[in-house]
Amino acid sequence: MGTVYLLHFLEPIGNPANPHGMAQHYIGWGAVAAKRISVQTAGAGAAIVRAVQAQGIGFVVAATWPGTRQLERQLKRRKHASRFCPVCRGEVTPPA
């Protein structure tokens, strides 16, 4: 058991000429979420998060759920993370 987390990028990343090639979220899992998110923040995590940071784009932890890697895979396979992102749904305002 661990925690599945959703990172919301403050700006989309990818190819603006191809809307399907854009991303604004990353879903990850960590046995200790705070530790894993600090690894992401330090720039030693997923490639997309490193690319976001390299472009100077910020991100926020938009949501967390208790769960396993299996839940992480299920959420990733669903695609469209914006459907369960509280920032995208207007329920939470990211810091300025």
Protein backbone atom coordinates (compact mmCIF):
# COMPACT_ATOMS: atom_id res chain seq x y z
CA MET A 1 0.00 0.00 0.00
CA GLY A 2 1.14 3.54 -0.64
CA THR A 3 -0.20 6.71 -2.19
CA VAL A 4 -1.09 7.59 -5.76
CA TYR A 5 -0.61 11.28 -6.52
CA LEU A 6 -1.64 13.63 -9.32
CA LEU A 7 0.66 16.47 -10.31
CA HIS A 8 -0.95 19.38 -12.17
CA PHE A 9 1.48 21.38 -14.33
CA LEU A 10 0.76 25.12 -14.22
CA GLU A 11 1.19 25.25 -18.01
CA PRO A 12 0.78 22.49 -20.59
CA ILE A 13 3.93 20.88 -21.97
CA GLY A 14 4.42 19.39 -25.42
CA ASN A 15 3.82 20.32 -29.03
CA PRO A 16 1.18 23.08 -29.37
CA ALA A 17 0.72 22.14 -33.04
CA ASN A 18 -0.54 18.72 -31.92
CA PRO A 19 -3.18 18.94 -29.16
CA HIS A 20 -2.84 15.19 -28.57
CA GLY A 21 0.85 15.77 -27.89
CA MET A 22 0.22 18.07 -24.94
CA ALA A 23 0.21 17.10 -21.26
CA GLN A 24 -0.73 18.95 -18.09
CA HIS A 25 -0.69 16.12 -15.55
CA TYR A 26 1.47 13.35 -14.18
CA ILE A 27 0.19 10.44 -12.11
CA GLY A 28 2.67 8.67 -9.87
CA TRP A 29 2.88 6.33 -6.92
CA GLY A 30 5.07 6.20 -3.85
CA ALA A 31 5.24 3.98 -0.79
CA VAL A 32 5.84 7.24 1.09
CA ALA A 33 4.24 9.92 -1.07
CA ALA A 34 5.99 12.90 0.52
CA LYS A 35 9.37 11.29 -0.11
CA ARG A 36 8.55 10.42 -3.73
CA ILE A 37 7.15 13.88 -4.45
CA SER A 38 10.30 15.46 -2.99
CA VAL A 39 12.34 13.32 -5.43
CA GLN A 40 10.16 14.66 -8.27
CA THR A 41 10.62 18.23 -7.00
CA ALA A 42 14.40 17.72 -6.80
CA GLY A 43 14.44 16.88 -10.51
CA ALA A 44 15.31 13.21 -10.12
CA GLY A 45 11.91 11.73 -10.94
CA ALA A 46 9.94 11.08 -14.09
CA ALA A 47 11.22 12.43 -17.41
CA ILE A 48 8.12 14.53 -18.03
CA VAL A 49 8.45 16.19 -14.62
CA ARG A 50 12.13 16.92 -15.32
CA ALA A 51 11.13 18.45 -18.70
CA VAL A 52 8.50 20.60 -16.99
CA GLN A 53 11.08 21.87 -14.53
CA ALA A 54 13.67 22.45 -17.28
CA GLN A 55 11.17 24.74 -19.03
CA GLY A 56 10.53 26.61 -15.79
CA ILE A 57 6.96 25.38 -15.48
CA GLY A 58 5.73 24.89 -11.95
CA PHE A 59 3.46 22.15 -10.69
CA VAL A 60 1.27 21.41 -7.70
CA VAL A 61 0.17 18.19 -6.04
CA ALA A 62 -3.48 18.35 -7.05
CA ALA A 63 -4.75 15.14 -5.45
CA THR A 64 -3.69 12.00 -3.60
CA TRP A 65 -5.39 8.66 -3.09
CA PRO A 66 -4.38 5.74 -0.89
CA GLY A 67 -3.60 2.83 -3.16
CA THR A 68 -1.16 0.56 -4.91
CA ARG A 69 0.73 0.68 -8.18
CA GLN A 70 -2.27 -1.09 -9.66
CA LEU A 71 -4.46 1.97 -8.93
CA GLU A 72 -1.78 4.17 -10.50
CA ARG A 73 -1.88 2.05 -13.68
CA GLN A 74 -5.70 2.10 -13.73
CA LEU A 75 -5.77 5.90 -13.52
CA LYS A 76 -3.08 6.27 -16.18
CA ARG A 77 -4.93 3.92 -18.54
CA ARG A 78 -8.10 6.00 -18.21
CA LYS A 79 -6.29 8.95 -19.82
CA HIS A 80 -7.75 12.45 -19.39
CA ALA A 81 -6.44 13.07 -15.86
CA SER A 82 -8.17 16.46 -16.05
CA ARG A 83 -11.45 14.66 -15.35
CA PHE A 84 -10.34 13.89 -11.80
CA CYS A 85 -8.05 16.89 -11.28
CA PRO A 86 -9.54 19.34 -8.74
CA VAL A 87 -7.54 22.21 -10.29
CA CYS A 88 -8.97 21.57 -13.77
CA ARG A 89 -12.47 21.15 -12.37
CA GLY A 90 -12.18 24.53 -10.62
CA GLU A 91 -12.45 23.06 -7.12
CA VAL A 92 -8.96 24.23 -6.11
CA THR A 93 -6.98 27.27 -7.19
CA PRO A 94 -3.23 26.69 -7.53
CA PRO A 95 -0.93 29.18 -5.83
CA ALA A 96 0.09 32.14 -7.99
